[in-house]
Protein backbone atom coordinates (compact mmCIF):
# COMPACT_ATOMS: atom_id res chain seq x y z
CA MET A 1 -72.77 153.37 146.04
CA PHE A 2 -73.16 157.11 145.86
CA ALA A 3 -74.19 157.19 149.57
CA TRP A 4 -70.95 155.33 150.70
CA ILE A 5 -68.64 157.70 148.53
CA LEU A 6 -70.44 160.70 150.07
CA LEU A 7 -69.87 159.24 153.43
CA LEU A 8 -66.13 158.71 152.79
CA VAL A 9 -65.82 162.22 151.63
CA VAL A 10 -67.51 163.60 154.79
CA LEU A 11 -65.41 161.56 157.10
CA ALA A 12 -62.15 162.48 155.31
CA THR A 13 -63.01 166.27 155.19
CA PRO A 14 -62.06 167.11 158.86
CA ALA A 15 -58.57 165.40 158.66
CA TRP A 16 -57.91 167.01 155.26
CA ALA A 17 -58.93 170.45 156.46
CA GLN A 18 -56.70 169.97 159.66
CA ASP A 19 -53.70 169.05 157.54
CA LYS A 20 -54.24 172.15 155.39
CA ALA A 21 -54.62 174.37 158.49
CA GLY A 22 -51.49 172.75 160.01
CA GLN A 23 -49.67 173.45 156.75
CA LYS A 24 -50.74 177.19 156.65
CA GLU A 25 -49.56 177.56 160.37
CA TRP A 26 -46.05 176.03 159.48
CA ASN A 27 -45.71 178.40 156.43
CA GLU A 28 -46.46 181.42 158.47
CA THR A 29 -44.03 180.33 161.35
CA LEU A 30 -41.37 179.70 158.80
CA ALA A 31 -41.63 183.10 157.26
CA ALA A 32 -41.47 184.76 160.63
CA ALA A 33 -38.50 182.53 161.53
CA LYS A 34 -36.56 183.55 158.40
CA LYS A 35 -37.03 187.27 159.50
CA GLU A 36 -35.41 186.29 162.86
CA GLY A 37 -32.60 184.70 160.90
CA ARG A 38 -31.02 182.43 163.57
CA VAL A 39 -31.55 180.10 166.37
CA VAL A 40 -29.29 179.42 169.35
CA VAL A 41 -29.02 175.92 170.37
CA ALA A 42 -27.01 174.56 173.47
CA GLY A 43 -25.83 170.93 173.47
CA SER A 44 -22.99 168.55 174.00
CA PRO A 45 -20.03 168.65 171.40
CA ASP A 46 -21.78 166.44 168.94
CA PRO A 47 -20.37 165.74 165.47
CA VAL A 48 -23.66 164.69 164.15
CA MET A 49 -25.22 168.09 165.01
CA ARG A 50 -22.35 170.23 163.68
CA GLY A 51 -21.48 168.04 160.56
CA GLU A 52 -24.94 167.06 159.49
CA ILE A 53 -28.07 168.44 161.15
CA ILE A 54 -26.99 172.07 161.26
CA PRO A 55 -25.81 172.20 157.62
CA ARG A 56 -29.01 170.51 156.44
CA PHE A 57 -31.20 172.87 158.47
CA THR A 58 -29.42 176.03 157.32
CA SER A 59 -29.44 174.72 153.70
CA ARG A 60 -33.11 173.90 153.67
CA PHE A 61 -34.58 176.88 155.72
CA GLY A 62 -32.06 179.74 155.30
CA ILE A 63 -31.88 180.10 159.12
CA ASN A 64 -28.55 180.10 160.73
CA VAL A 65 -27.89 177.97 163.82
CA GLU A 66 -25.58 179.24 166.59
CA PHE A 67 -24.49 175.95 168.58
CA LEU A 68 -23.21 176.35 171.94
CA ALA A 69 -21.33 173.14 172.57
CA GLY A 70 -20.12 172.01 175.95
CA ARG A 71 -20.69 169.46 178.75
CA SER A 72 -24.17 169.87 180.15
CA SER A 73 -22.87 171.04 183.59
CA GLU A 74 -20.86 173.73 181.82
CA ILE A 75 -23.82 174.92 179.82
CA ALA A 76 -26.08 174.80 182.87
CA ALA A 77 -23.51 176.97 184.60
CA LYS A 78 -23.39 179.51 181.68
CA VAL A 79 -27.09 179.80 181.64
CA ARG A 80 -27.42 180.39 185.44
CA THR A 81 -24.65 183.19 185.19
CA GLU A 82 -26.49 184.87 182.10
CA ARG A 83 -29.89 184.72 183.68
CA SER A 84 -28.67 186.24 187.02
CA ALA A 85 -27.69 189.17 184.86
CA GLY A 86 -30.95 189.21 183.01
CA VAL A 87 -29.45 187.82 179.83
CA TYR A 88 -31.40 185.16 177.91
CA SER A 89 -29.36 184.00 175.02
CA THR A 90 -30.41 180.44 174.27
CA ASP A 91 -33.54 179.08 172.45
CA VAL A 92 -33.08 175.33 172.65
CA PHE A 93 -31.40 172.82 174.86
CA LEU A 94 -30.30 169.33 173.84
CA ALA A 95 -29.22 167.92 177.25
CA GLY A 96 -28.90 164.73 179.02
CA PRO A 97 -31.40 163.65 181.65
CA ASP A 98 -29.39 164.87 184.71
CA THR A 99 -29.11 168.51 183.42
CA THR A 100 -32.66 168.55 182.02
CA VAL A 101 -34.51 167.10 184.79
CA VAL A 102 -32.64 168.68 187.80
CA ILE A 103 -31.68 172.02 186.33
CA LEU A 104 -33.68 173.08 183.37
CA HIS A 105 -37.02 171.62 184.50
CA GLY A 106 -36.26 171.84 188.15
CA GLU A 107 -35.12 175.56 188.16
CA LYS A 108 -38.04 176.46 185.70
CA ILE A 109 -35.56 177.50 182.82
CA ILE A 110 -37.83 175.94 180.26
CA ASP A 111 -41.28 176.58 178.84
CA PRO A 112 -43.97 173.97 177.62
CA LEU A 113 -42.71 172.61 174.23
CA LYS A 114 -45.93 170.79 173.30
CA PRO A 115 -47.81 173.93 171.90
CA LEU A 116 -44.87 174.58 169.47
CA LEU A 117 -45.33 171.26 167.53
CA ILE A 118 -47.22 172.07 164.40
CA LEU A 119 -45.51 170.15 161.57
CA PRO A 120 -48.01 167.50 160.44
CA GLU A 121 -45.56 164.71 160.31
CA VAL A 122 -44.53 165.42 163.84
CA VAL A 123 -47.92 165.80 165.52
CA GLU A 124 -49.37 162.72 163.63
CA ARG A 125 -49.62 160.05 166.44
CA GLY A 126 -49.22 157.20 163.99
CA LYS A 127 -45.64 158.28 163.40
CA TRP A 128 -44.48 157.44 166.89
CA LYS A 129 -43.96 153.94 168.41
CA ARG A 130 -45.59 154.76 171.57
CA GLY A 131 -48.72 155.97 169.78
CA ASP A 132 -47.92 159.76 170.37
CA LEU A 133 -45.00 162.04 171.26
CA TRP A 134 -43.41 160.99 174.52
CA PHE A 135 -43.15 163.86 177.03
CA VAL A 136 -41.42 162.42 180.16
CA ASP A 137 -41.80 165.40 182.50
CA PRO A 138 -44.69 165.17 185.19
CA GLU A 139 -46.82 167.91 183.24
CA GLY A 140 -46.49 166.03 179.99
CA ASN A 141 -45.62 168.98 177.96
CA SER A 142 -41.98 170.31 178.30
CA VAL A 143 -39.39 167.48 178.13
CA LEU A 144 -39.59 165.45 174.92
CA ARG A 145 -37.81 162.16 174.36
CA ALA A 146 -37.20 161.37 170.87
CA PHE A 147 -34.87 158.25 171.24
CA ASN A 148 -35.28 154.94 173.08
CA SER A 149 -32.21 152.80 172.59
CA VAL A 150 -30.48 150.02 174.22
CA ASN A 151 -27.16 151.27 175.44
CA GLY A 152 -23.94 149.23 175.04
CA ILE A 153 -22.52 148.71 178.50
CA VAL A 154 -18.79 148.48 177.33
CA PHE A 155 -16.55 148.70 174.20
CA ILE A 156 -13.74 146.58 173.78
CA ASN A 157 -10.66 146.28 171.26
CA THR A 158 -10.99 142.59 170.08
CA GLU A 159 -7.25 142.60 169.11
CA TYR A 160 -6.52 142.65 172.96
CA VAL A 161 -9.70 141.31 174.47
CA LYS A 162 -11.79 138.50 173.21
CA LEU A 163 -15.63 138.84 173.15
CA GLU A 164 -15.89 135.62 175.37
CA GLU A 165 -13.76 137.22 178.04
CA ILE A 166 -16.40 139.86 178.78
CA ARG A 167 -19.57 137.93 179.07
CA SER A 168 -20.50 139.25 182.55
CA ALA A 169 -20.05 142.40 184.64
CA LYS A 170 -17.96 140.30 187.05
CA ASP A 171 -15.37 139.48 184.13
CA LEU A 172 -14.27 143.17 184.36
CA LEU A 173 -12.78 142.33 187.78
CA ASN A 174 -10.40 139.84 186.35
CA PRO A 175 -6.85 140.79 187.41
CA LYS A 176 -5.53 140.75 183.80
CA TRP A 177 -7.57 143.85 183.14
CA ARG A 178 -6.02 145.85 185.83
CA GLY A 179 -4.95 149.15 184.42
CA LYS A 180 -6.53 148.18 181.10
CA ILE A 181 -9.96 149.78 181.53
CA SER A 182 -10.83 153.49 180.96
CA THR A 183 -13.74 155.49 182.12
CA GLU A 184 -15.16 158.95 182.13
CA ASP A 185 -14.46 160.44 185.63
CA PRO A 186 -16.90 158.77 188.07
CA ARG A 187 -16.13 161.53 190.68
CA ALA A 188 -18.01 164.19 188.56
CA ILE A 189 -21.66 164.56 187.20
CA GLY A 190 -22.04 162.59 183.79
CA SER A 191 -21.97 159.17 182.33
CA GLY A 192 -19.05 158.02 184.41
CA VAL A 193 -20.89 158.26 187.68
CA ASN A 194 -24.18 157.09 186.05
CA LEU A 195 -22.68 153.64 185.02
CA ALA A 196 -20.73 153.46 188.40
CA GLY A 197 -24.18 154.00 190.02
CA ARG A 198 -25.77 151.29 188.02
CA PHE A 199 -23.10 148.88 188.99
CA TYR A 200 -23.60 150.05 192.60
CA SER A 201 -27.33 149.52 192.62
CA HIS A 202 -27.07 146.08 190.94
CA PHE A 203 -24.07 144.57 192.65
CA GLY A 204 -23.41 146.72 195.67
CA GLU A 205 -20.46 148.73 197.15
CA GLU A 206 -17.73 146.06 197.08
CA PHE A 207 -18.11 145.47 193.35
CA VAL A 208 -17.77 149.27 192.70
CA LYS A 209 -14.66 149.38 194.96
CA LYS A 210 -13.04 146.51 193.11
CA LEU A 211 -13.74 147.97 189.64
CA TYR A 212 -13.09 151.60 190.20
CA VAL A 213 -10.39 151.37 192.75
CA ASP A 214 -8.76 148.01 192.84
CA GLN A 215 -8.65 147.61 189.03
CA LYS A 216 -7.07 151.10 188.68
CA PRO A 217 -9.04 152.25 185.63
CA VAL A 218 -7.58 155.18 183.69
CA ILE A 219 -9.86 158.15 184.09
CA SER A 220 -10.44 161.11 181.83
CA ARG A 221 -13.07 163.79 181.37
CA GLU A 222 -12.30 164.06 177.68
CA ARG A 223 -14.41 161.40 175.85
CA ARG A 224 -12.19 161.48 172.82
CA GLN A 225 -9.22 160.56 175.02
CA PHE A 226 -10.48 157.21 176.18
CA THR A 227 -11.68 156.50 172.57
CA ASP A 228 -8.13 156.94 171.37
CA TRP A 229 -6.90 154.74 174.31
CA LEU A 230 -9.42 152.07 172.97
CA ALA A 231 -8.22 152.33 169.56
CA ARG A 232 -4.59 152.12 170.47
CA GLY A 233 -5.16 149.24 172.83
CA THR A 234 -3.46 150.83 175.86
CA GLN A 235 -6.95 150.57 177.65
CA PRO A 236 -8.76 148.05 175.45
CA ILE A 237 -11.91 148.19 177.58
CA CYS A 238 -13.73 151.48 177.67
CA LEU A 239 -16.86 151.88 179.94
CA ASN A 240 -18.03 155.25 178.65
CA CYS A 241 -17.06 155.47 174.85
CA ARG A 242 -19.62 156.65 172.51
CA ASP A 243 -20.95 155.09 169.38
CA ASP A 244 -20.51 158.27 167.41
CA ASP A 245 -16.93 158.58 168.47
CA VAL A 246 -16.14 154.88 167.67
CA LYS A 247 -17.70 154.65 164.31
CA PRO A 248 -15.10 156.61 162.40
CA LEU A 249 -12.44 154.28 164.03
CA LEU A 250 -14.40 151.28 162.71
CA LYS A 251 -14.30 152.65 159.27
CA GLU A 252 -10.49 153.04 159.62
CA GLY A 253 -10.18 149.26 160.34
CA PHE A 254 -9.90 149.26 164.08
CA LYS A 255 -11.36 145.96 165.45
CA LEU A 256 -13.70 147.50 168.04
CA SER A 257 -16.97 145.93 169.29
CA GLU A 258 -19.79 147.15 171.64
CA VAL A 259 -21.08 144.87 174.28
CA PHE A 260 -24.75 145.43 174.78
CA GLU A 261 -25.56 142.39 177.10
CA LEU A 262 -24.04 140.92 179.98
CA THR A 263 -25.32 137.69 181.61
CA ASP A 264 -25.53 139.06 185.09
CA MET A 265 -26.96 142.51 184.28
CA PRO A 266 -30.06 143.62 182.41
CA GLY A 267 -29.65 145.73 179.37
CA MET A 268 -30.09 149.52 179.79
CA LEU A 269 -32.45 151.83 177.94
CA THR A 270 -31.21 155.28 177.13
CA SER A 271 -32.54 158.68 175.87
CA SER A 272 -29.20 159.57 174.30
CA PRO A 273 -28.19 161.59 172.57
CA TRP A 274 -30.56 164.10 174.04
CA LEU A 275 -33.76 165.23 175.61
CA LEU A 276 -35.35 168.16 173.85
CA THR A 277 -36.54 171.30 175.57
CA TYR A 278 -37.50 174.98 174.79
CA ALA A 279 -35.90 177.77 176.87
CA ASN A 280 -38.20 180.32 178.39
CA LYS A 281 -37.77 183.95 177.29
CA ALA A 282 -36.33 182.52 174.08
CA PRO A 283 -34.82 185.31 171.94
CA HIS A 284 -35.68 183.79 168.64
CA PRO A 285 -39.04 182.03 169.35
CA GLN A 286 -40.10 181.57 165.55
CA ALA A 287 -36.76 180.15 164.39
CA ALA A 288 -36.78 177.90 167.48
CA GLN A 289 -40.10 176.54 166.70
CA VAL A 290 -39.08 175.72 163.11
CA PHE A 291 -35.83 174.11 164.37
CA ILE A 292 -37.62 171.96 166.98
CA ASN A 293 -40.25 170.75 164.60
CA TRP A 294 -37.72 169.87 161.74
CA LEU A 295 -35.55 168.24 164.34
CA LEU A 296 -38.28 165.77 165.08
CA SER A 297 -39.07 165.06 161.43
CA LYS A 298 -38.04 161.80 159.77
CA GLU A 299 -35.35 163.41 157.80
CA ALA A 300 -33.61 164.88 161.00
CA LEU A 301 -34.05 161.82 163.21
CA GLU A 302 -33.06 159.25 160.76
CA THR A 303 -29.84 161.38 159.92
CA TYR A 304 -29.22 161.27 163.70
CA SER A 305 -30.03 157.60 164.08
CA ARG A 306 -27.80 156.52 161.17
CA SER A 307 -24.65 158.57 162.29
CA TYR A 308 -25.19 158.30 166.19
CA GLY A 309 -26.34 154.76 166.29
CA SER A 310 -29.36 155.27 168.46
CA ALA A 311 -32.83 154.00 167.82
CA THR A 312 -35.53 156.81 167.52
CA LEU A 313 -39.09 156.61 168.54
CA ARG A 314 -40.46 157.24 165.07
CA THR A 315 -42.13 154.50 163.14
CA ASP A 316 -40.94 155.54 159.73
CA VAL A 317 -37.17 155.80 160.42
CA ASP A 318 -35.09 153.02 158.58
CA GLU A 319 -33.46 150.96 161.38
CA SER A 320 -31.78 148.42 159.16
CA PHE A 321 -28.44 149.95 159.69
CA LEU A 322 -28.50 149.82 163.37
CA ASN A 323 -27.05 147.02 165.52
CA PRO A 324 -30.14 144.91 166.13
CA LEU A 325 -29.25 144.72 169.82
CA ALA A 326 -29.52 148.58 170.03
CA ILE A 327 -33.33 148.31 169.29
CA PRO A 328 -35.47 147.39 172.40
CA ARG A 329 -37.01 144.14 171.94
CA PRO A 330 -40.68 143.43 172.96
CA GLY A 331 -41.06 141.41 176.10
CA VAL A 332 -37.37 142.04 177.35
CA LYS A 333 -36.99 143.70 180.54
CA TYR A 334 -34.66 146.68 180.48
CA PHE A 335 -33.33 149.20 183.08
CA ASP A 336 -34.45 152.68 181.84
CA ASP A 337 -31.65 155.10 182.74
CA GLY A 338 -33.88 158.08 181.58
CA GLU A 339 -36.96 157.32 183.92
CA TRP A 340 -37.86 160.63 185.50
CA ASN A 341 -37.81 159.51 189.11
CA TRP A 342 -34.67 157.54 188.70
CA VAL A 343 -33.03 160.62 187.43
CA LEU A 344 -34.59 163.02 189.98
CA LYS A 345 -33.95 161.01 193.11
CA GLY A 346 -32.64 157.45 192.77
CA ARG A 347 -29.51 158.23 190.58
CA LYS A 348 -28.67 161.29 192.73
CA GLU A 349 -28.87 159.07 195.85
CA ILE A 350 -26.60 156.28 194.25
CA SER A 351 -24.29 158.89 192.94
CA GLU A 352 -23.56 160.24 196.27
CA LYS A 353 -22.80 156.91 197.60
CA VAL A 354 -20.35 156.35 194.73
CA TRP A 355 -18.68 159.60 195.23
CA LYS A 356 -18.52 158.88 199.05
CA LEU A 357 -16.89 155.51 198.51
CA LEU A 358 -14.45 156.75 195.94
CA LYS A 359 -13.52 159.74 198.11
CA ALA A 360 -12.68 157.37 200.92
CA ASN A 361 -10.46 155.27 198.66
């Protein structure tokens, strides 16, 4: 019996020592980060980040967060302009696949992120559904995906549109919905053209022409605008509304519903709300390291998941509050909108076809 106990102690000692060493490194990094005093994070206008993540982080660690909010294309343009003048103001990027893959990674604006991960609950492989952290870049160290969720294809206001009326993508072509559909501008980079491209790749040019031209959808680049149209019923079908914008309206009693599955179109996986990257020549490297590690913790990702409605890749996050259809199901074939080669090549090619089509009409 003594021999068995001794063996267990010996086997456990390396893991215990590693945890202790990791905690020591974390404490030292945190002390250095507090001296820097702030971290600069660039991302989309995100109420979860502003209202919950930043206040929690600052309260917990005493480090201020300067949040540069804007469309990914706007942030990319700002970073390019600054860097051409030798200015490096941003530490962390929380951006969508297009900006991350094509610009941040493609133009070598980011550094490896993997070496920064030191928080024990982040680096422990058992905490992640895929058996480890998911770095999606070819090098496997710079672009981290923390979410893998089934994206709703369309939102509807059920006071004006019955659920059974939108069972397939082709139902969107019903003449009764002409002028009643809203979409983010498909003529610009973003979720508007991404969805249009998906329709194009699945159904072809004629379908896209019928939906985006003949159906006369109402177009906006302000996402809150088409959420407002959805609630008021002026455009009771929304192609690009976001769950975090719709949730407050549901609490106010609006009868809105997200359609995840269509009979003629496979469900889509998304990395929303962001892919995580670390800027090279970051002005606040220690504070950035603390922010990145905490953002990947159970506390932060569960906060994000609960408020945003996306499924995370952590195994210990409570998903009971999510729509079950938002959680990928084993054995179901999905289209992954964040797959690297699709973002780098496939979507660009399809987007150009969509733009050419819309320009001609």
